Amino acid sequence: MGVDINKNREELTVNNEKTYYFIIEGNVQDVGFRDAITKAFIDLGIEGAVFNYKDNTVRLFVNTDNPDVISAIILKIGNKLKDAVVENIEYSSIGKRLALPTNEDIKLDVDSLIDIGRKLDKGVNAINKLVELQTLTVNKLNTIDNKLDKLNAIDNKLDALNSKFDILIDIQRKTLEILNKKL
């Protein structure tokens, strides 16, 4: 029993689609860009594979008959993500249609140990900044606490002075009473 090669070729050229190779430049790594594209492709039923590249670009293979639509999707995703910035999108046709994944069960995951290490380094830096801010906050609170202690000491001295003034006023009042009686 043989395989009909012509039939398989026809299946691979459905809708005149070709596979396009995209290169996306900008701040597109470590901002959720790749996952957002993967989710959009899954939701839209687009066949594609997305991966980070060592030059800090995101690259993808996409089966489409209109690469400008894919560029528009990429720009829309870039505009929605908080820290993402799409500076440039380039694409070229591979010349034929490749069989690419269409569902989340076949997600291309290319986080290397270097990628993971870089992400962990960013996390460690963020934690260190939080520790620095916490230390600054504690120091400020200690300064405020010391100033409050000084204000309390001044307040206690003022209370003691007020008591002495009350005694002086009472002595003056009694002195005036005695003088008024003698006059």
N, C-alpha and C. Protein backbone atom coordinates (compact mmCIF):
# COMPACT_ATOMS: atom_id res chain seq x y z
N MET A 1 0.86 -1.18 0.00
CA MET A 1 0.00 0.00 0.00
C MET A 1 0.90 1.24 0.00
N GLY A 2 0.73 2.07 -0.99
CA GLY A 2 1.58 3.24 -1.14
C GLY A 2 0.91 4.51 -0.61
N VAL A 3 1.72 5.55 -0.49
CA VAL A 3 1.24 6.85 -0.05
C VAL A 3 1.12 7.75 -1.27
N ASP A 4 -0.02 8.44 -1.37
CA ASP A 4 -0.22 9.36 -2.49
C ASP A 4 0.46 10.69 -2.19
N ILE A 5 1.65 10.90 -2.76
CA ILE A 5 2.44 12.10 -2.50
C ILE A 5 1.73 13.34 -2.99
N ASN A 6 1.07 13.30 -4.12
CA ASN A 6 0.37 14.47 -4.65
C ASN A 6 -0.75 14.93 -3.73
N LYS A 7 -1.43 13.97 -3.12
CA LYS A 7 -2.51 14.33 -2.20
C LYS A 7 -1.94 15.08 -1.00
N ASN A 8 -0.83 14.63 -0.45
CA ASN A 8 -0.22 15.30 0.70
C ASN A 8 0.25 16.71 0.33
N ARG A 9 0.79 16.90 -0.85
CA ARG A 9 1.22 18.22 -1.28
C ARG A 9 0.04 19.17 -1.37
N GLU A 10 -1.09 18.68 -1.89
CA GLU A 10 -2.28 19.53 -1.98
C GLU A 10 -2.74 19.98 -0.60
N GLU A 11 -2.69 19.07 0.37
CA GLU A 11 -3.11 19.42 1.72
C GLU A 11 -2.21 20.50 2.32
N LEU A 12 -0.95 20.52 1.93
CA LEU A 12 -0.02 21.50 2.48
C LEU A 12 -0.12 22.86 1.81
N THR A 13 -0.83 23.01 0.74
CA THR A 13 -0.94 24.29 0.06
C THR A 13 -2.37 24.83 0.11
N VAL A 14 -3.09 24.55 1.15
CA VAL A 14 -4.45 25.02 1.33
C VAL A 14 -4.47 26.54 1.39
N ASN A 15 -5.44 27.19 0.74
CA ASN A 15 -5.67 28.63 0.77
C ASN A 15 -4.47 29.45 0.27
N ASN A 16 -3.59 28.88 -0.52
CA ASN A 16 -2.42 29.60 -1.02
C ASN A 16 -1.54 30.17 0.09
N GLU A 17 -1.61 29.59 1.25
CA GLU A 17 -0.79 30.07 2.36
C GLU A 17 0.67 29.69 2.13
N LYS A 18 1.53 30.56 2.62
CA LYS A 18 2.96 30.29 2.66
C LYS A 18 3.40 30.47 4.10
N THR A 19 4.56 29.96 4.40
CA THR A 19 5.13 30.19 5.71
C THR A 19 6.02 31.43 5.62
N TYR A 20 5.79 32.34 6.55
CA TYR A 20 6.58 33.57 6.63
C TYR A 20 7.42 33.54 7.89
N TYR A 21 8.60 34.10 7.77
CA TYR A 21 9.52 34.21 8.90
C TYR A 21 9.54 35.67 9.32
N PHE A 22 9.15 35.94 10.57
CA PHE A 22 9.08 37.30 11.11
C PHE A 22 10.21 37.52 12.10
N ILE A 23 10.75 38.74 12.09
CA ILE A 23 11.72 39.18 13.10
C ILE A 23 11.15 40.45 13.71
N ILE A 24 10.95 40.44 15.03
CA ILE A 24 10.37 41.59 15.73
C ILE A 24 11.44 42.16 16.64
N GLU A 25 11.77 43.44 16.42
CA GLU A 25 12.80 44.12 17.21
C GLU A 25 12.15 45.10 18.17
N GLY A 26 12.85 45.36 19.25
CA GLY A 26 12.38 46.31 20.26
C GLY A 26 12.51 45.69 21.63
N ASN A 27 11.74 46.19 22.56
CA ASN A 27 11.71 45.61 23.90
C ASN A 27 10.63 44.54 23.90
N VAL A 28 11.00 43.35 23.42
CA VAL A 28 10.01 42.29 23.21
C VAL A 28 10.34 40.99 23.95
N GLN A 29 11.43 40.99 24.70
CA GLN A 29 11.73 39.80 25.50
C GLN A 29 11.56 40.15 26.98
N ASP A 30 11.14 39.15 27.75
CA ASP A 30 10.94 39.28 29.20
C ASP A 30 9.82 40.26 29.54
N VAL A 31 8.86 40.42 28.64
CA VAL A 31 7.72 41.31 28.91
C VAL A 31 6.39 40.59 28.64
N GLY A 32 6.44 39.27 28.37
CA GLY A 32 5.22 38.50 28.10
C GLY A 32 4.81 38.54 26.63
N PHE A 33 5.67 39.06 25.78
CA PHE A 33 5.33 39.24 24.36
C PHE A 33 5.12 37.90 23.66
N ARG A 34 6.05 36.99 23.85
CA ARG A 34 5.98 35.68 23.19
C ARG A 34 4.73 34.93 23.60
N ASP A 35 4.42 34.94 24.90
CA ASP A 35 3.22 34.26 25.38
C ASP A 35 1.95 34.90 24.83
N ALA A 36 1.94 36.24 24.72
CA ALA A 36 0.77 36.94 24.19
C ALA A 36 0.55 36.59 22.72
N ILE A 37 1.63 36.49 21.95
CA ILE A 37 1.50 36.10 20.55
C ILE A 37 1.01 34.67 20.45
N THR A 38 1.59 33.79 21.25
CA THR A 38 1.16 32.38 21.25
C THR A 38 -0.33 32.28 21.55
N LYS A 39 -0.79 33.00 22.58
CA LYS A 39 -2.21 32.96 22.95
C LYS A 39 -3.08 33.50 21.81
N ALA A 40 -2.66 34.61 21.19
CA ALA A 40 -3.43 35.18 20.07
C ALA A 40 -3.51 34.19 18.92
N PHE A 41 -2.40 33.53 18.60
CA PHE A 41 -2.41 32.55 17.51
C PHE A 41 -3.35 31.40 17.84
N ILE A 42 -3.32 30.94 19.08
CA ILE A 42 -4.21 29.86 19.48
C ILE A 42 -5.66 30.30 19.36
N ASP A 43 -5.97 31.50 19.90
CA ASP A 43 -7.34 32.01 19.86
C ASP A 43 -7.84 32.21 18.44
N LEU A 44 -6.95 32.62 17.54
CA LEU A 44 -7.34 32.91 16.15
C LEU A 44 -7.17 31.71 15.22
N GLY A 45 -6.62 30.61 15.75
CA GLY A 45 -6.41 29.42 14.93
C GLY A 45 -5.30 29.58 13.91
N ILE A 46 -4.35 30.45 14.20
CA ILE A 46 -3.23 30.70 13.28
C ILE A 46 -2.14 29.67 13.56
N GLU A 47 -1.62 29.08 12.50
CA GLU A 47 -0.52 28.14 12.65
C GLU A 47 0.79 28.91 12.76
N GLY A 48 1.53 28.67 13.83
CA GLY A 48 2.78 29.38 13.98
C GLY A 48 3.60 28.87 15.13
N ALA A 49 4.83 29.30 15.15
CA ALA A 49 5.75 28.99 16.24
C ALA A 49 6.52 30.26 16.58
N VAL A 50 6.57 30.57 17.87
CA VAL A 50 7.16 31.82 18.35
C VAL A 50 8.34 31.47 19.25
N PHE A 51 9.43 32.22 19.12
CA PHE A 51 10.57 31.95 19.99
C PHE A 51 11.40 33.20 20.19
N ASN A 52 12.08 33.26 21.33
CA ASN A 52 13.05 34.32 21.61
C ASN A 52 14.35 33.96 20.89
N TYR A 53 15.01 35.00 20.41
CA TYR A 53 16.29 34.78 19.74
C TYR A 53 17.38 35.46 20.55
N LYS A 54 18.60 34.97 20.42
CA LYS A 54 19.70 35.44 21.27
C LYS A 54 20.05 36.91 21.08
N ASP A 55 19.60 37.53 19.99
CA ASP A 55 19.88 38.96 19.78
C ASP A 55 18.78 39.86 20.36
N ASN A 56 17.97 39.30 21.26
CA ASN A 56 16.87 39.99 21.95
C ASN A 56 15.68 40.31 21.05
N THR A 57 15.60 39.66 19.90
CA THR A 57 14.40 39.78 19.07
C THR A 57 13.48 38.61 19.38
N VAL A 58 12.22 38.76 18.97
CA VAL A 58 11.29 37.63 18.98
C VAL A 58 11.11 37.26 17.52
N ARG A 59 11.15 35.98 17.26
CA ARG A 59 11.02 35.50 15.88
C ARG A 59 9.88 34.50 15.81
N LEU A 60 9.28 34.44 14.63
CA LEU A 60 8.19 33.49 14.47
C LEU A 60 8.07 33.02 13.04
N PHE A 61 7.56 31.82 12.93
CA PHE A 61 7.15 31.27 11.66
C PHE A 61 5.63 31.25 11.69
N VAL A 62 5.01 31.72 10.59
CA VAL A 62 3.55 31.80 10.53
C VAL A 62 3.08 31.36 9.16
N ASN A 63 2.03 30.54 9.15
CA ASN A 63 1.38 30.18 7.90
C ASN A 63 0.25 31.17 7.66
N THR A 64 0.36 31.91 6.55
CA THR A 64 -0.65 32.92 6.24
C THR A 64 -0.62 33.23 4.76
N ASP A 65 -1.72 33.78 4.27
CA ASP A 65 -1.70 34.29 2.90
C ASP A 65 -1.62 35.82 2.92
N ASN A 66 -1.58 36.41 4.14
CA ASN A 66 -1.49 37.86 4.26
C ASN A 66 -0.60 38.23 5.45
N PRO A 67 0.70 38.39 5.22
CA PRO A 67 1.62 38.69 6.32
C PRO A 67 1.36 40.06 6.96
N ASP A 68 0.72 40.98 6.23
CA ASP A 68 0.43 42.29 6.82
C ASP A 68 -0.58 42.19 7.95
N VAL A 69 -1.49 41.22 7.86
CA VAL A 69 -2.44 40.99 8.95
C VAL A 69 -1.69 40.51 10.19
N ILE A 70 -0.72 39.64 9.99
CA ILE A 70 0.09 39.15 11.12
C ILE A 70 0.86 40.31 11.73
N SER A 71 1.43 41.20 10.89
CA SER A 71 2.14 42.38 11.40
C SER A 71 1.21 43.25 12.24
N ALA A 72 -0.04 43.41 11.79
CA ALA A 72 -1.01 44.21 12.54
C ALA A 72 -1.32 43.57 13.89
N ILE A 73 -1.43 42.25 13.92
CA ILE A 73 -1.67 41.53 15.19
C ILE A 73 -0.48 41.74 16.12
N ILE A 74 0.72 41.65 15.59
CA ILE A 74 1.94 41.83 16.40
C ILE A 74 1.96 43.24 16.99
N LEU A 75 1.68 44.25 16.18
CA LEU A 75 1.66 45.64 16.67
C LEU A 75 0.59 45.84 17.73
N LYS A 76 -0.58 45.25 17.53
CA LYS A 76 -1.66 45.38 18.51
C LYS A 76 -1.25 44.76 19.84
N ILE A 77 -0.63 43.60 19.80
CA ILE A 77 -0.15 42.95 21.02
C ILE A 77 0.92 43.82 21.69
N GLY A 78 1.85 44.35 20.89
CA GLY A 78 2.90 45.22 21.43
C GLY A 78 2.34 46.44 22.12
N ASN A 79 1.27 47.00 21.57
CA ASN A 79 0.65 48.19 22.17
C ASN A 79 -0.11 47.87 23.45
N LYS A 80 -0.60 46.64 23.57
CA LYS A 80 -1.37 46.27 24.77
C LYS A 80 -0.49 45.91 25.96
N LEU A 81 0.70 45.39 25.71
CA LEU A 81 1.57 44.97 26.80
C LEU A 81 2.27 46.19 27.41
N LYS A 82 2.25 46.25 28.72
CA LYS A 82 2.76 47.41 29.46
C LYS A 82 4.20 47.79 29.09
N ASP A 83 5.12 46.85 29.14
CA ASP A 83 6.53 47.16 28.96
C ASP A 83 7.07 46.84 27.56
N ALA A 84 6.21 46.34 26.68
CA ALA A 84 6.67 45.97 25.34
C ALA A 84 6.74 47.19 24.43
N VAL A 85 7.75 47.19 23.58
CA VAL A 85 7.89 48.23 22.56
C VAL A 85 8.32 47.53 21.26
N VAL A 86 7.46 47.59 20.26
CA VAL A 86 7.79 47.02 18.95
C VAL A 86 8.39 48.15 18.11
N GLU A 87 9.67 48.03 17.81
CA GLU A 87 10.36 49.06 17.04
C GLU A 87 10.39 48.75 15.54
N ASN A 88 10.42 47.47 15.21
CA ASN A 88 10.52 47.10 13.79
C ASN A 88 10.02 45.67 13.60
N ILE A 89 9.33 45.45 12.48
CA ILE A 89 8.88 44.11 12.10
C ILE A 89 9.36 43.87 10.67
N GLU A 90 10.10 42.80 10.51
CA GLU A 90 10.52 42.38 9.18
C GLU A 90 9.98 40.98 8.93
N TYR A 91 9.59 40.73 7.69
CA TYR A 91 9.19 39.37 7.36
C TYR A 91 9.60 39.02 5.94
N SER A 92 9.75 37.72 5.74
CA SER A 92 10.08 37.22 4.40
C SER A 92 9.41 35.87 4.24
N SER A 93 9.10 35.54 3.01
CA SER A 93 8.45 34.27 2.71
C SER A 93 9.49 33.16 2.67
N ILE A 94 9.13 32.04 3.25
CA ILE A 94 9.98 30.85 3.17
C ILE A 94 9.84 30.23 1.78
N GLY A 95 8.72 30.52 1.10
CA GLY A 95 8.50 30.02 -0.25
C GLY A 95 7.61 28.80 -0.31
N LYS A 96 7.35 28.19 0.81
CA LYS A 96 6.44 27.05 0.84
C LYS A 96 5.73 27.06 2.19
N ARG A 97 4.77 26.23 2.31
CA ARG A 97 4.00 26.16 3.55
C ARG A 97 4.54 25.01 4.39
N LEU A 98 4.95 25.33 5.63
CA LEU A 98 5.43 24.30 6.55
C LEU A 98 4.29 23.88 7.47
N ALA A 99 4.36 22.67 7.97
CA ALA A 99 3.38 22.21 8.95
C ALA A 99 3.80 22.78 10.30
N LEU A 100 2.98 23.71 10.82
CA LEU A 100 3.29 24.36 12.11
C LEU A 100 2.18 24.08 13.10
N PRO A 101 2.48 24.16 14.40
CA PRO A 101 1.46 23.86 15.42
C PRO A 101 0.33 24.89 15.43
N THR A 102 -0.87 24.42 15.83
CA THR A 102 -2.03 25.32 15.91
C THR A 102 -2.68 25.32 17.28
N ASN A 103 -2.22 24.51 18.20
CA ASN A 103 -2.89 24.51 19.50
C ASN A 103 -1.88 24.58 20.64
N GLU A 104 -2.39 24.86 21.83
CA GLU A 104 -1.51 25.10 22.97
C GLU A 104 -0.78 23.84 23.44
N ASP A 105 -1.22 22.67 22.98
CA ASP A 105 -0.53 21.44 23.36
C ASP A 105 0.82 21.30 22.66
N ILE A 106 0.99 22.06 21.57
CA ILE A 106 2.23 21.97 20.81
C ILE A 106 2.90 23.34 20.82
N LYS A 107 3.11 23.89 22.01
CA LYS A 107 3.73 25.21 22.14
C LYS A 107 5.25 25.05 22.10
N LEU A 108 5.87 25.85 21.27
CA LEU A 108 7.33 25.84 21.19
C LEU A 108 7.87 26.62 22.39
N ASP A 109 8.61 25.94 23.24
CA ASP A 109 9.15 26.58 24.43
C ASP A 109 10.67 26.52 24.33
N VAL A 110 11.29 27.70 24.25
CA VAL A 110 12.73 27.73 24.03
C VAL A 110 13.48 28.48 25.13
N ASP A 111 12.92 28.58 26.30
CA ASP A 111 13.65 29.22 27.38
C ASP A 111 14.86 28.35 27.74
N SER A 112 16.03 28.84 27.43
CA SER A 112 17.24 28.11 27.76
C SER A 112 17.63 28.45 29.20
N LEU A 113 18.64 27.79 29.66
CA LEU A 113 19.14 28.10 31.00
C LEU A 113 19.61 29.54 31.07
N ILE A 114 20.13 30.07 29.98
CA ILE A 114 20.56 31.47 29.94
C ILE A 114 19.35 32.39 30.10
N ASP A 115 18.24 32.06 29.38
CA ASP A 115 17.01 32.85 29.51
C ASP A 115 16.50 32.83 30.94
N ILE A 116 16.47 31.64 31.51
CA ILE A 116 15.96 31.49 32.88
C ILE A 116 16.87 32.25 33.85
N GLY A 117 18.18 32.12 33.66
CA GLY A 117 19.13 32.84 34.52
C GLY A 117 18.94 34.35 34.43
N ARG A 118 18.75 34.86 33.20
CA ARG A 118 18.54 36.29 32.99
C ARG A 118 17.26 36.75 33.71
N LYS A 119 16.22 35.95 33.61
CA LYS A 119 14.96 36.30 34.27
C LYS A 119 15.12 36.26 35.79
N LEU A 120 15.84 35.26 36.28
CA LEU A 120 16.09 35.19 37.73
C LEU A 120 16.93 36.38 38.19
N ASP A 121 17.92 36.78 37.38
CA ASP A 121 18.73 37.95 37.72
C ASP A 121 17.87 39.20 37.83
N LYS A 122 16.92 39.35 36.91
CA LYS A 122 16.01 40.51 36.98
C LYS A 122 15.18 40.45 38.26
N GLY A 123 14.74 39.26 38.62
CA GLY A 123 13.97 39.11 39.85
C GLY A 123 14.80 39.43 41.08
N VAL A 124 16.03 38.96 41.09
CA VAL A 124 16.93 39.25 42.22
C VAL A 124 17.19 40.75 42.31
N ASN A 125 17.41 41.41 41.16
CA ASN A 125 17.61 42.86 41.18
C ASN A 125 16.39 43.58 41.72
N ALA A 126 15.22 43.13 41.34
CA ALA A 126 13.98 43.75 41.85
C ALA A 126 13.86 43.55 43.35
N ILE A 127 14.18 42.37 43.83
CA ILE A 127 14.13 42.10 45.27
C ILE A 127 15.15 42.96 46.00
N ASN A 128 16.36 43.09 45.45
CA ASN A 128 17.38 43.94 46.08
C ASN A 128 16.92 45.39 46.17
N LYS A 129 16.26 45.88 45.12
CA LYS A 129 15.74 47.25 45.17
C LYS A 129 14.67 47.38 46.25
N LEU A 130 13.83 46.36 46.39
CA LEU A 130 12.83 46.39 47.45
C LEU A 130 13.48 46.41 48.83
N VAL A 131 14.54 45.62 49.00
CA VAL A 131 15.26 45.60 50.28
C VAL A 131 15.88 46.97 50.56
N GLU A 132 16.46 47.59 49.52
CA GLU A 132 17.03 48.94 49.68
C GLU A 132 15.95 49.94 50.10
N LEU A 133 14.80 49.87 49.45
CA LEU A 133 13.70 50.77 49.81
C LEU A 133 13.21 50.50 51.22
N GLN A 134 13.15 49.23 51.59
CA GLN A 134 12.73 48.90 52.95
C GLN A 134 13.73 49.43 53.96
N THR A 135 15.02 49.30 53.67
CA THR A 135 16.06 49.81 54.57
C THR A 135 15.95 51.33 54.71
N LEU A 136 15.77 52.02 53.57
CA LEU A 136 15.59 53.47 53.61
C LEU A 136 14.36 53.85 54.43
N THR A 137 13.29 53.10 54.26
CA THR A 137 12.06 53.38 55.00
C THR A 137 12.27 53.18 56.49
N VAL A 138 12.94 52.10 56.86
CA VAL A 138 13.21 51.84 58.28
C VAL A 138 14.08 52.95 58.85
N ASN A 139 15.10 53.38 58.11
CA ASN A 139 15.97 54.46 58.58
C ASN A 139 15.17 55.75 58.77
N LYS A 140 14.30 56.07 57.82
CA LYS A 140 13.46 57.27 57.93
C LYS A 140 12.54 57.16 59.15
N LEU A 141 11.96 55.98 59.34
CA LEU A 141 11.08 55.78 60.49
C LEU A 141 11.86 55.93 61.80
N ASN A 142 13.09 55.42 61.83
CA ASN A 142 13.92 55.58 63.03
C ASN A 142 14.22 57.06 63.28
N THR A 143 14.52 57.81 62.22
CA THR A 143 14.76 59.24 62.35
C THR A 143 13.52 59.94 62.89
N ILE A 144 12.38 59.60 62.34
CA ILE A 144 11.12 60.19 62.81
C ILE A 144 10.87 59.81 64.27
N ASP A 145 11.15 58.55 64.62
CA ASP A 145 10.96 58.08 65.99
C ASP A 145 11.87 58.86 66.95
N ASN A 146 13.13 59.10 66.55
CA ASN A 146 14.06 59.87 67.39
C ASN A 146 13.55 61.30 67.57
N LYS A 147 13.03 61.89 66.50
CA LYS A 147 12.51 63.25 66.59
C LYS A 147 11.27 63.29 67.48
N LEU A 148 10.45 62.25 67.40
CA LEU A 148 9.27 62.19 68.29
C LEU A 148 9.70 62.06 69.75
N ASP A 149 10.76 61.27 70.00
CA ASP A 149 11.28 61.16 71.36
C ASP A 149 11.74 62.52 71.88
N LYS A 150 12.43 63.28 71.03
CA LYS A 150 12.89 64.61 71.43
C LYS A 150 11.70 65.54 71.68
N LEU A 151 10.69 65.43 70.82
CA LEU A 151 9.49 66.25 71.03
C LEU A 151 8.79 65.88 72.33
N ASN A 152 8.76 64.60 72.65
CA ASN A 152 8.16 64.16 73.92
C ASN A 152 8.95 64.71 75.11
N ALA A 153 10.29 64.69 75.00
CA ALA A 153 11.12 65.24 76.07
C ALA A 153 10.84 66.74 76.23
N ILE A 154 10.72 67.46 75.11
CA ILE A 154 10.40 68.89 75.17
C ILE A 154 9.02 69.09 75.76
N ASP A 155 8.08 68.24 75.37
CA ASP A 155 6.72 68.34 75.89
C ASP A 155 6.71 68.12 77.41
N ASN A 156 7.52 67.16 77.90
CA ASN A 156 7.61 66.91 79.35
C ASN A 156 8.21 68.12 80.07
N LYS A 157 9.23 68.75 79.46
CA LYS A 157 9.83 69.94 80.06
C LYS A 157 8.83 71.09 80.09
N LEU A 158 8.06 71.20 79.01
CA LEU A 158 7.03 72.25 78.99
C LEU A 158 5.97 72.00 80.06
N ASP A 159 5.61 70.75 80.25
CA ASP A 159 4.65 70.44 81.33
C ASP A 159 5.22 70.84 82.69
N ALA A 160 6.52 70.55 82.92
CA ALA A 160 7.15 70.93 84.19
C ALA A 160 7.18 72.44 84.34
N LEU A 161 7.48 73.16 83.25
CA LEU A 161 7.47 74.63 83.30
C LEU A 161 6.07 75.16 83.58
N ASN A 162 5.09 74.55 82.93
CA ASN A 162 3.70 74.98 83.17
C ASN A 162 3.32 74.79 84.64
N SER A 163 3.77 73.70 85.23
CA SER A 163 3.49 73.48 86.66
C SER A 163 4.15 74.57 87.49
N LYS A 164 5.39 74.92 87.15
CA LYS A 164 6.08 75.98 87.90
C LYS A 164 5.39 77.32 87.69
N PHE A 165 4.94 77.58 86.46
CA PHE A 165 4.20 78.82 86.21
C PHE A 165 2.91 78.85 87.01
N ASP A 166 2.25 77.70 87.10
CA ASP A 166 1.01 77.63 87.90
C ASP A 166 1.32 77.97 89.36
N ILE A 167 2.45 77.46 89.87
CA ILE A 167 2.85 77.77 91.26
C ILE A 167 3.14 79.26 91.39
N LEU A 168 3.89 79.83 90.44
CA LEU A 168 4.20 81.26 90.47
C LEU A 168 2.93 82.11 90.41
N ILE A 169 2.02 81.71 89.55
CA ILE A 169 0.76 82.46 89.43
C ILE A 169 -0.01 82.38 90.74
N ASP A 170 0.00 81.20 91.34
CA ASP A 170 -0.69 81.06 92.63
C ASP A 170 -0.03 81.92 93.70
N ILE A 171 1.32 81.98 93.72
CA ILE A 171 2.04 82.82 94.68
C ILE A 171 1.73 84.29 94.41
N GLN A 172 1.70 84.68 93.15
CA GLN A 172 1.38 86.08 92.81
C GLN A 172 -0.04 86.43 93.25
N ARG A 173 -0.97 85.53 93.03
CA ARG A 173 -2.35 85.77 93.43
C ARG A 173 -2.45 85.95 94.95
N LYS A 174 -1.76 85.08 95.69
CA LYS A 174 -1.79 85.19 97.16
C LYS A 174 -1.11 86.47 97.61
N THR A 175 -0.01 86.85 96.93
CA THR A 175 0.68 88.07 97.27
C THR A 175 -0.22 89.28 97.03
N LEU A 176 -0.92 89.26 95.95
CA LEU A 176 -1.85 90.36 95.64
C LEU A 176 -2.98 90.41 96.68
N GLU A 177 -3.44 89.29 97.11
CA GLU A 177 -4.50 89.26 98.15
C GLU A 177 -3.99 89.87 99.45
N ILE A 178 -2.75 89.51 99.82
CA ILE A 178 -2.17 90.05 101.05
C ILE A 178 -1.97 91.55 100.92
N LEU A 179 -1.48 92.00 99.79
CA LEU A 179 -1.27 93.43 99.57
C LEU A 179 -2.59 94.17 99.56
N ASN A 180 -3.59 93.59 99.00
CA ASN A 180 -4.91 94.24 98.96
C ASN A 180 -5.49 94.36 100.39
N LYS A 181 -5.24 93.40 101.21
CA LYS A 181 -5.74 93.45 102.59
C LYS A 181 -4.99 94.54 103.38
N LYS A 182 -3.70 94.71 103.13
CA LYS A 182 -2.92 95.70 103.86
C LYS A 182 -3.21 97.09 103.37
N LEU A 183 -3.64 97.25 102.20
CA LEU A 183 -3.91 98.58 101.68
C LEU A 183 -5.28 98.94 102.07
